Amino acid sequence: MAKHGKFGETPDDVFRRILKIGKGKQRKTGKIDFVDSLLAGNNGNRKTKVEIIELYRKEFPGVLETTARNTVNWCASTLKNRKGVDTNHIP
């Protein structure tokens, strides 16, 4: 196992790579990462906070509107400190 493994890999990762087995179902991104990607305006997609809140609630339907609004506001105000990325959303 140690001969075939790379640093940080689990035994499961090593077996999957050796046996050429796919990773299976990809894990869905987290809520904060989802909001951060929209706030960063990747690929030139600039959105307002209201649009981001709507997309957030569509992606995660169980979230209350106030929670979504608070999450988007928190992410917007802390994105620079957390990830070193300026927000590119339309105010």
PDB file of N, CA and C in Angstrom:
ATOM      1  N   MET A   1       0.830  -1.187   0.000  1.00  0.00           N
ATOM      2  CA  MET A   1       0.000   0.000   0.000  1.00  0.00           C
ATOM      3  C   MET A   1       0.877   1.254   0.000  1.00  0.00           C
ATOM      4  N   ALA A   2       1.901   1.277   0.857  1.00  0.00           N
ATOM      5  CA  ALA A   2       2.762   2.451   0.963  1.00  0.00           C
ATOM      6  C   ALA A   2       3.524   2.691  -0.339  1.00  0.00           C
ATOM      7  N   LYS A   3       3.821   1.633  -1.061  1.00  0.00           N
ATOM      8  CA  LYS A   3       4.559   1.760  -2.307  1.00  0.00           C
ATOM      9  C   LYS A   3       3.718   2.453  -3.393  1.00  0.00           C
ATOM     10  N   HIS A   4       2.404   2.227  -3.374  1.00  0.00           N
ATOM     11  CA  HIS A   4       1.527   2.756  -4.420  1.00  0.00           C
ATOM     12  C   HIS A   4       0.833   4.053  -4.025  1.00  0.00           C
ATOM     13  N   GLY A   5       0.792   4.334  -2.740  1.00  0.00           N
ATOM     14  CA  GLY A   5       0.064   5.509  -2.273  1.00  0.00           C
ATOM     15  C   GLY A   5       0.836   6.800  -2.426  1.00  0.00           C
ATOM     16  N   LYS A   6       0.088   7.887  -2.500  1.00  0.00           N
ATOM     17  CA  LYS A   6       0.670   9.223  -2.522  1.00  0.00           C
ATOM     18  C   LYS A   6       0.324   9.890  -1.202  1.00  0.00           C
ATOM     19  N   PHE A   7       1.086  10.909  -0.843  1.00  0.00           N
ATOM     20  CA  PHE A   7       0.857  11.587   0.421  1.00  0.00           C
ATOM     21  C   PHE A   7      -0.567  12.138   0.491  1.00  0.00           C
ATOM     22  N   GLY A   8      -1.273  11.839   1.577  1.00  0.00           N
ATOM     23  CA  GLY A   8      -2.621  12.366   1.794  1.00  0.00           C
ATOM     24  C   GLY A   8      -3.727  11.489   1.241  1.00  0.00           C
ATOM     25  N   GLU A   9      -3.377  10.423   0.540  1.00  0.00           N
ATOM     26  CA  GLU A   9      -4.404   9.543  -0.006  1.00  0.00           C
ATOM     27  C   GLU A   9      -4.854   8.532   1.037  1.00  0.00           C
ATOM     28  N   THR A  10      -6.126   8.214   0.994  1.00  0.00           N
ATOM     29  CA  THR A  10      -6.647   7.154   1.847  1.00  0.00           C
ATOM     30  C   THR A  10      -6.433   5.820   1.131  1.00  0.00           C
ATOM     31  N   PRO A  11      -6.494   4.706   1.857  1.00  0.00           N
ATOM     32  CA  PRO A  11      -6.388   3.401   1.189  1.00  0.00           C
ATOM     33  C   PRO A  11      -7.452   3.233   0.101  1.00  0.00           C
ATOM     34  N   ASP A  12      -8.634   3.780   0.338  1.00  0.00           N
ATOM     35  CA  ASP A  12      -9.700   3.716  -0.656  1.00  0.00           C
ATOM     36  C   ASP A  12      -9.295   4.434  -1.946  1.00  0.00           C
ATOM     37  N   ASP A  13      -8.657   5.599  -1.810  1.00  0.00           N
ATOM     38  CA  ASP A  13      -8.186   6.352  -2.980  1.00  0.00           C
ATOM     39  C   ASP A  13      -7.170   5.542  -3.781  1.00  0.00           C
ATOM     40  N   VAL A  14      -6.252   4.885  -3.067  1.00  0.00           N
ATOM     41  CA  VAL A  14      -5.211   4.096  -3.723  1.00  0.00           C
ATOM     42  C   VAL A  14      -5.827   2.931  -4.489  1.00  0.00           C
ATOM     43  N   PHE A  15      -6.743   2.199  -3.849  1.00  0.00           N
ATOM     44  CA  PHE A  15      -7.390   1.074  -4.528  1.00  0.00           C
ATOM     45  C   PHE A  15      -8.173   1.530  -5.746  1.00  0.00           C
ATOM     46  N   ARG A  16      -8.884   2.633  -5.618  1.00  0.00           N
ATOM     47  CA  ARG A  16      -9.661   3.145  -6.762  1.00  0.00           C
ATOM     48  C   ARG A  16      -8.745   3.524  -7.920  1.00  0.00           C
ATOM     49  N   ARG A  17      -7.602   4.129  -7.616  1.00  0.00           N
ATOM     50  CA  ARG A  17      -6.675   4.527  -8.671  1.00  0.00           C
ATOM     51  C   ARG A  17      -6.046   3.301  -9.321  1.00  0.00           C
ATOM     52  N   ILE A  18      -5.619   2.329  -8.522  1.00  0.00           N
ATOM     53  CA  ILE A  18      -4.964   1.135  -9.053  1.00  0.00           C
ATOM     54  C   ILE A  18      -5.944   0.309  -9.888  1.00  0.00           C
ATOM     55  N   LEU A  19      -7.161   0.154  -9.384  1.00  0.00           N
ATOM     56  CA  LEU A  19      -8.154  -0.654 -10.085  1.00  0.00           C
ATOM     57  C   LEU A  19      -8.926   0.137 -11.144  1.00  0.00           C
ATOM     58  N   LYS A  20      -8.580   1.422 -11.275  1.00  0.00           N
ATOM     59  CA  LYS A  20      -9.226   2.310 -12.250  1.00  0.00           C
ATOM     60  C   LYS A  20     -10.738   2.346 -12.078  1.00  0.00           C
ATOM     61  N   ILE A  21     -11.147   2.491 -10.828  1.00  0.00           N
ATOM     62  CA  ILE A  21     -12.566   2.610 -10.490  1.00  0.00           C
ATOM     63  C   ILE A  21     -12.859   4.090 -10.308  1.00  0.00           C
ATOM     64  N   GLY A  22     -13.949   4.558 -10.909  1.00  0.00           N
ATOM     65  CA  GLY A  22     -14.319   5.967 -10.793  1.00  0.00           C
ATOM     66  C   GLY A  22     -14.665   6.341  -9.365  1.00  0.00           C
ATOM     67  N   LYS A  23     -14.678   7.617  -9.116  1.00  0.00           N
ATOM     68  CA  LYS A  23     -14.982   8.096  -7.772  1.00  0.00           C
ATOM     69  C   LYS A  23     -16.459   7.980  -7.447  1.00  0.00           C
ATOM     70  N   GLY A  24     -17.292   7.737  -8.438  1.00  0.00           N
ATOM     71  CA  GLY A  24     -18.720   7.636  -8.163  1.00  0.00           C
ATOM     72  C   GLY A  24     -19.371   8.994  -8.164  1.00  0.00           C
ATOM     73  N   LYS A  25     -20.424   9.111  -7.409  1.00  0.00           N
ATOM     74  CA  LYS A  25     -21.198  10.343  -7.349  1.00  0.00           C
ATOM     75  C   LYS A  25     -20.363  11.456  -6.714  1.00  0.00           C
ATOM     76  N   GLN A  26     -20.291  12.592  -7.385  1.00  0.00           N
ATOM     77  CA  GLN A  26     -19.554  13.730  -6.859  1.00  0.00           C
ATOM     78  C   GLN A  26     -20.339  14.381  -5.731  1.00  0.00           C
ATOM     79  N   ARG A  27     -19.635  14.818  -4.742  1.00  0.00           N
ATOM     80  CA  ARG A  27     -20.259  15.485  -3.612  1.00  0.00           C
ATOM     81  C   ARG A  27     -20.704  16.880  -4.024  1.00  0.00           C
ATOM     82  N   LYS A  28     -21.877  17.252  -3.594  1.00  0.00           N
ATOM     83  CA  LYS A  28     -22.400  18.577  -3.890  1.00  0.00           C
ATOM     84  C   LYS A  28     -21.621  19.614  -3.084  1.00  0.00           C
ATOM     85  N   THR A  29     -21.401  20.795  -3.687  1.00  0.00           N
ATOM     86  CA  THR A  29     -20.663  21.821  -2.970  1.00  0.00           C
ATOM     87  C   THR A  29     -21.476  22.314  -1.783  1.00  0.00           C
ATOM     88  N   GLY A  30     -20.793  22.837  -0.796  1.00  0.00           N
ATOM     89  CA  GLY A  30     -21.455  23.353   0.383  1.00  0.00           C
ATOM     90  C   GLY A  30     -22.149  24.672   0.112  1.00  0.00           C
ATOM     91  N   LYS A  31     -22.960  25.078   1.048  1.00  0.00           N
ATOM     92  CA  LYS A  31     -23.737  26.301   0.894  1.00  0.00           C
ATOM     93  C   LYS A  31     -22.850  27.532   0.812  1.00  0.00           C
ATOM     94  N   ILE A  32     -21.850  27.592   1.680  1.00  0.00           N
ATOM     95  CA  ILE A  32     -20.970  28.758   1.704  1.00  0.00           C
ATOM     96  C   ILE A  32     -20.162  28.819   0.407  1.00  0.00           C
ATOM     97  N   ASP A  33     -19.632  27.679  -0.053  1.00  0.00           N
ATOM     98  CA  ASP A  33     -18.886  27.655  -1.309  1.00  0.00           C
ATOM     99  C   ASP A  33     -19.763  28.063  -2.481  1.00  0.00           C
ATOM    100  N   PHE A  34     -21.020  27.631  -2.465  1.00  0.00           N
ATOM    101  CA  PHE A  34     -21.959  27.993  -3.523  1.00  0.00           C
ATOM    102  C   PHE A  34     -22.147  29.509  -3.578  1.00  0.00           C
ATOM    103  N   VAL A  35     -22.399  30.119  -2.416  1.00  0.00           N
ATOM    104  CA  VAL A  35     -22.595  31.566  -2.351  1.00  0.00           C
ATOM    105  C   VAL A  35     -21.309  32.302  -2.712  1.00  0.00           C
ATOM    106  N   ASP A  36     -20.172  31.818  -2.209  1.00  0.00           N
ATOM    107  CA  ASP A  36     -18.889  32.454  -2.509  1.00  0.00           C
ATOM    108  C   ASP A  36     -18.622  32.487  -4.013  1.00  0.00           C
ATOM    109  N   SER A  37     -18.918  31.398  -4.706  1.00  0.00           N
ATOM    110  CA  SER A  37     -18.657  31.364  -6.147  1.00  0.00           C
ATOM    111  C   SER A  37     -19.536  32.367  -6.893  1.00  0.00           C
ATOM    112  N   LEU A  38     -20.769  32.547  -6.420  1.00  0.00           N
ATOM    113  CA  LEU A  38     -21.645  33.540  -7.047  1.00  0.00           C
ATOM    114  C   LEU A  38     -21.190  34.961  -6.737  1.00  0.00           C
ATOM    115  N   LEU A  39     -20.735  35.190  -5.519  1.00  0.00           N
ATOM    116  CA  LEU A  39     -20.267  36.523  -5.142  1.00  0.00           C
ATOM    117  C   LEU A  39     -18.978  36.892  -5.871  1.00  0.00           C
ATOM    118  N   ALA A  40     -18.128  35.914  -6.106  1.00  0.00           N
ATOM    119  CA  ALA A  40     -16.863  36.182  -6.782  1.00  0.00           C
ATOM    120  C   ALA A  40     -17.082  36.510  -8.255  1.00  0.00           C
ATOM    121  N   GLY A  41     -18.246  36.164  -8.782  1.00  0.00           N
ATOM    122  CA  GLY A  41     -18.557  36.485 -10.173  1.00  0.00           C
ATOM    123  C   GLY A  41     -17.654  35.762 -11.143  1.00  0.00           C
ATOM    124  N   ASN A  42     -17.426  34.484 -10.896  1.00  0.00           N
ATOM    125  CA  ASN A  42     -16.571  33.692 -11.782  1.00  0.00           C
ATOM    126  C   ASN A  42     -17.128  33.695 -13.198  1.00  0.00           C
ATOM    127  N   ASN A  43     -16.249  33.699 -14.154  1.00  0.00           N
ATOM    128  CA  ASN A  43     -16.599  33.681 -15.579  1.00  0.00           C
ATOM    129  C   ASN A  43     -17.419  34.892 -16.003  1.00  0.00           C
ATOM    130  N   GLY A  44     -17.269  35.999 -15.320  1.00  0.00           N
ATOM    131  CA  GLY A  44     -17.970  37.220 -15.713  1.00  0.00           C
ATOM    132  C   GLY A  44     -19.444  37.249 -15.363  1.00  0.00           C
ATOM    133  N   ASN A  45     -19.922  36.268 -14.595  1.00  0.00           N
ATOM    134  CA  ASN A  45     -21.332  36.242 -14.182  1.00  0.00           C
ATOM    135  C   ASN A  45     -21.522  37.101 -12.951  1.00  0.00           C
ATOM    136  N   ARG A  46     -21.884  38.336 -13.156  1.00  0.00           N
ATOM    137  CA  ARG A  46     -22.122  39.233 -12.029  1.00  0.00           C
ATOM    138  C   ARG A  46     -23.600  39.214 -11.700  1.00  0.00           C
ATOM    139  N   LYS A  47     -23.902  39.097 -10.414  1.00  0.00           N
ATOM    140  CA  LYS A  47     -25.279  39.029  -9.958  1.00  0.00           C
ATOM    141  C   LYS A  47     -25.481  39.957  -8.769  1.00  0.00           C
ATOM    142  N   THR A  48     -26.721  40.387  -8.564  1.00  0.00           N
ATOM    143  CA  THR A  48     -27.049  41.175  -7.385  1.00  0.00           C
ATOM    144  C   THR A  48     -27.237  40.224  -6.210  1.00  0.00           C
ATOM    145  N   LYS A  49     -27.242  40.776  -5.001  1.00  0.00           N
ATOM    146  CA  LYS A  49     -27.464  39.937  -3.820  1.00  0.00           C
ATOM    147  C   LYS A  49     -28.844  39.290  -3.877  1.00  0.00           C
ATOM    148  N   VAL A  50     -29.837  40.010  -4.386  1.00  0.00           N
ATOM    149  CA  VAL A  50     -31.194  39.456  -4.488  1.00  0.00           C
ATOM    150  C   VAL A  50     -31.192  38.237  -5.413  1.00  0.00           C
ATOM    151  N   GLU A  51     -30.487  38.329  -6.532  1.00  0.00           N
ATOM    152  CA  GLU A  51     -30.397  37.192  -7.453  1.00  0.00           C
ATOM    153  C   GLU A  51     -29.659  36.024  -6.808  1.00  0.00           C
ATOM    154  N   ILE A  52     -28.626  36.333  -6.055  1.00  0.00           N
ATOM    155  CA  ILE A  52     -27.862  35.279  -5.382  1.00  0.00           C
ATOM    156  C   ILE A  52     -28.728  34.576  -4.339  1.00  0.00           C
ATOM    157  N   ILE A  53     -29.520  35.349  -3.601  1.00  0.00           N
ATOM    158  CA  ILE A  53     -30.428  34.762  -2.605  1.00  0.00           C
ATOM    159  C   ILE A  53     -31.424  33.829  -3.284  1.00  0.00           C
ATOM    160  N   GLU A  54     -31.981  34.249  -4.417  1.00  0.00           N
ATOM    161  CA  GLU A  54     -32.936  33.405  -5.149  1.00  0.00           C
ATOM    162  C   GLU A  54     -32.282  32.110  -5.624  1.00  0.00           C
ATOM    163  N   LEU A  55     -31.082  32.211  -6.183  1.00  0.00           N
ATOM    164  CA  LEU A  55     -30.373  31.012  -6.639  1.00  0.00           C
ATOM    165  C   LEU A  55     -30.021  30.092  -5.476  1.00  0.00           C
ATOM    166  N   TYR A  56     -29.642  30.686  -4.354  1.00  0.00           N
ATOM    167  CA  TYR A  56     -29.307  29.928  -3.147  1.00  0.00           C
ATOM    168  C   TYR A  56     -30.511  29.134  -2.655  1.00  0.00           C
ATOM    169  N   ARG A  57     -31.673  29.780  -2.643  1.00  0.00           N
ATOM    170  CA  ARG A  57     -32.878  29.091  -2.172  1.00  0.00           C
ATOM    171  C   ARG A  57     -33.347  28.028  -3.150  1.00  0.00           C
ATOM    172  N   LYS A  58     -33.080  28.199  -4.441  1.00  0.00           N
ATOM    173  CA  LYS A  58     -33.427  27.163  -5.418  1.00  0.00           C
ATOM    174  C   LYS A  58     -32.501  25.960  -5.271  1.00  0.00           C
ATOM    175  N   GLU A  59     -31.225  26.227  -5.019  1.00  0.00           N
ATOM    176  CA  GLU A  59     -30.252  25.147  -4.876  1.00  0.00           C
ATOM    177  C   GLU A  59     -30.444  24.381  -3.560  1.00  0.00           C
ATOM    178  N   PHE A  60     -30.810  25.104  -2.505  1.00  0.00           N
ATOM    179  CA  PHE A  60     -31.027  24.507  -1.186  1.00  0.00           C
ATOM    180  C   PHE A  60     -32.435  24.885  -0.723  1.00  0.00           C
ATOM    181  N   PRO A  61     -33.459  24.145  -1.158  1.00  0.00           N
ATOM    182  CA  PRO A  61     -34.853  24.541  -0.933  1.00  0.00           C
ATOM    183  C   PRO A  61     -35.296  24.607   0.529  1.00  0.00           C
ATOM    184  N   GLY A  62     -34.633  23.942   1.433  1.00  0.00           N
ATOM    185  CA  GLY A  62     -35.062  23.945   2.829  1.00  0.00           C
ATOM    186  C   GLY A  62     -34.646  25.184   3.611  1.00  0.00           C
ATOM    187  N   VAL A  63     -33.926  26.092   2.993  1.00  0.00           N
ATOM    188  CA  VAL A  63     -33.402  27.264   3.686  1.00  0.00           C
ATOM    189  C   VAL A  63     -34.438  28.386   3.697  1.00  0.00           C
ATOM    190  N   LEU A  64     -34.648  28.979   4.875  1.00  0.00           N
ATOM    191  CA  LEU A  64     -35.575  30.101   4.997  1.00  0.00           C
ATOM    192  C   LEU A  64     -35.005  31.340   4.314  1.00  0.00           C
ATOM    193  N   GLU A  65     -35.880  32.247   3.910  1.00  0.00           N
ATOM    194  CA  GLU A  65     -35.434  33.449   3.210  1.00  0.00           C
ATOM    195  C   GLU A  65     -34.519  34.306   4.082  1.00  0.00           C
ATOM    196  N   THR A  66     -34.871  34.458   5.357  1.00  0.00           N
ATOM    197  CA  THR A  66     -34.030  35.279   6.238  1.00  0.00           C
ATOM    198  C   THR A  66     -32.650  34.654   6.427  1.00  0.00           C
ATOM    199  N   THR A  67     -32.607  33.344   6.530  1.00  0.00           N
ATOM    200  CA  THR A  67     -31.331  32.647   6.660  1.00  0.00           C
ATOM    201  C   THR A  67     -30.501  32.830   5.395  1.00  0.00           C
ATOM    202  N   ALA A  68     -31.138  32.721   4.252  1.00  0.00           N
ATOM    203  CA  ALA A  68     -30.443  32.911   2.977  1.00  0.00           C
ATOM    204  C   ALA A  68     -29.899  34.328   2.872  1.00  0.00           C
ATOM    205  N   ARG A  69     -30.700  35.306   3.242  1.00  0.00           N
ATOM    206  CA  ARG A  69     -30.269  36.705   3.185  1.00  0.00           C
ATOM    207  C   ARG A  69     -29.085  36.949   4.118  1.00  0.00           C
ATOM    208  N   ASN A  70     -29.186  36.425   5.336  1.00  0.00           N
ATOM    209  CA  ASN A  70     -28.089  36.596   6.300  1.00  0.00           C
ATOM    210  C   ASN A  70     -26.809  35.902   5.827  1.00  0.00           C
ATOM    211  N   THR A  71     -26.945  34.723   5.243  1.00  0.00           N
ATOM    212  CA  THR A  71     -25.785  33.984   4.752  1.00  0.00           C
ATOM    213  C   THR A  71     -25.095  34.740   3.619  1.00  0.00           C
ATOM    214  N   VAL A  72     -25.881  35.242   2.679  1.00  0.00           N
ATOM    215  CA  VAL A  72     -25.310  35.980   1.551  1.00  0.00           C
ATOM    216  C   VAL A  72     -24.628  37.255   2.043  1.00  0.00           C
ATOM    217  N   ASN A  73     -25.259  37.959   2.968  1.00  0.00           N
ATOM    218  CA  ASN A  73     -24.652  39.180   3.512  1.00  0.00           C
ATOM    219  C   ASN A  73     -23.351  38.875   4.248  1.00  0.00           C
ATOM    220  N   TRP A  74     -23.348  37.804   5.046  1.00  0.00           N
ATOM    221  CA  TRP A  74     -22.139  37.416   5.778  1.00  0.00           C
ATOM    222  C   TRP A  74     -21.028  37.029   4.803  1.00  0.00           C
ATOM    223  N   CYS A  75     -21.360  36.229   3.806  1.00  0.00           N
ATOM    224  CA  CYS A  75     -20.359  35.806   2.826  1.00  0.00           C
ATOM    225  C   CYS A  75     -19.782  37.011   2.084  1.00  0.00           C
ATOM    226  N   ALA A  76     -20.640  37.957   1.720  1.00  0.00           N
ATOM    227  CA  ALA A  76     -20.178  39.135   0.985  1.00  0.00           C
ATOM    228  C   ALA A  76     -19.233  39.981   1.832  1.00  0.00           C
ATOM    229  N   SER A  77     -19.536  40.093   3.119  1.00  0.00           N
ATOM    230  CA  SER A  77     -18.718  40.955   3.976  1.00  0.00           C
ATOM    231  C   SER A  77     -17.417  40.294   4.428  1.00  0.00           C
ATOM    232  N   THR A  78     -17.331  38.972   4.345  1.00  0.00           N
ATOM    233  CA  THR A  78     -16.130  38.280   4.837  1.00  0.00           C
ATOM    234  C   THR A  78     -15.337  37.562   3.751  1.00  0.00           C
ATOM    235  N   LEU A  79     -15.777  37.633   2.511  1.00  0.00           N
ATOM    236  CA  LEU A  79     -15.129  36.880   1.431  1.00  0.00           C
ATOM    237  C   LEU A  79     -13.656  37.263   1.280  1.00  0.00           C
ATOM    238  N   LYS A  80     -13.350  38.529   1.352  1.00  0.00           N
ATOM    239  CA  LYS A  80     -11.963  38.998   1.198  1.00  0.00           C
ATOM    240  C   LYS A  80     -11.060  38.416   2.285  1.00  0.00           C
ATOM    241  N   ASN A  81     -11.537  38.414   3.530  1.00  0.00           N
ATOM    242  CA  ASN A  81     -10.734  37.886   4.642  1.00  0.00           C
ATOM    243  C   ASN A  81     -10.616  36.371   4.590  1.00  0.00           C
ATOM    244  N   ARG A  82     -11.678  35.694   4.199  1.00  0.00           N
ATOM    245  CA  ARG A  82     -11.673  34.235   4.209  1.00  0.00           C
ATOM    246  C   ARG A  82     -10.913  33.631   3.049  1.00  0.00           C
ATOM    247  N   LYS A  83     -11.057  34.193   1.850  1.00  0.00           N
ATOM    248  CA  LYS A  83     -10.468  33.574   0.664  1.00  0.00           C
ATOM    249  C   LYS A  83      -9.545  34.490  -0.120  1.00  0.00           C
ATOM    250  N   GLY A  84      -9.450  35.751   0.292  1.00  0.00           N
ATOM    251  CA  GLY A  84      -8.589  36.680  -0.419  1.00  0.00           C
ATOM    252  C   GLY A  84      -9.132  37.111  -1.767  1.00  0.00           C
ATOM    253  N   VAL A  85     -10.440  36.973  -1.954  1.00  0.00           N
ATOM    254  CA  VAL A  85     -11.078  37.293  -3.228  1.00  0.00           C
ATOM    255  C   VAL A  85     -12.023  38.462  -3.017  1.00  0.00           C
ATOM    256  N   ASP A  86     -11.952  39.433  -3.912  1.00  0.00           N
ATOM    257  CA  ASP A  86     -12.900  40.540  -3.853  1.00  0.00           C
ATOM    258  C   ASP A  86     -14.241  40.092  -4.413  1.00  0.00           C
ATOM    259  N   THR A  87     -15.317  40.621  -3.837  1.00  0.00           N
ATOM    260  CA  THR A  87     -16.629  40.310  -4.389  1.00  0.00           C
ATOM    261  C   THR A  87     -16.816  41.082  -5.670  1.00  0.00           C
ATOM    262  N   ASN A  88     -17.495  40.466  -6.600  1.00  0.00           N
ATOM    263  CA  ASN A  88     -17.714  41.061  -7.907  1.00  0.00           C
ATOM    264  C   ASN A  88     -19.209  41.191  -8.166  1.00  0.00           C
ATOM    265  N   HIS A  89     -19.992  41.142  -7.101  1.00  0.00           N
ATOM    266  CA  HIS A  89     -21.434  41.225  -7.287  1.00  0.00           C
ATOM    267  C   HIS A  89     -21.855  42.658  -7.508  1.00  0.00           C
ATOM    268  N   ILE A  90     -23.038  42.805  -8.055  1.00  0.00           N
ATOM    269  CA  ILE A  90     -23.599  44.135  -8.286  1.00  0.00           C
ATOM    270  C   ILE A  90     -24.353  44.531  -7.030  1.00  0.00           C
ATOM    271  N   PRO A  91     -24.014  45.662  -6.414  1.00  0.00           N
ATOM    272  CA  PRO A  91     -24.682  46.047  -5.154  1.00  0.00           C
ATOM    273  C   PRO A  91     -26.179  46.247  -5.298  1.00  0.00           C
TER     274      PRO A  91
END
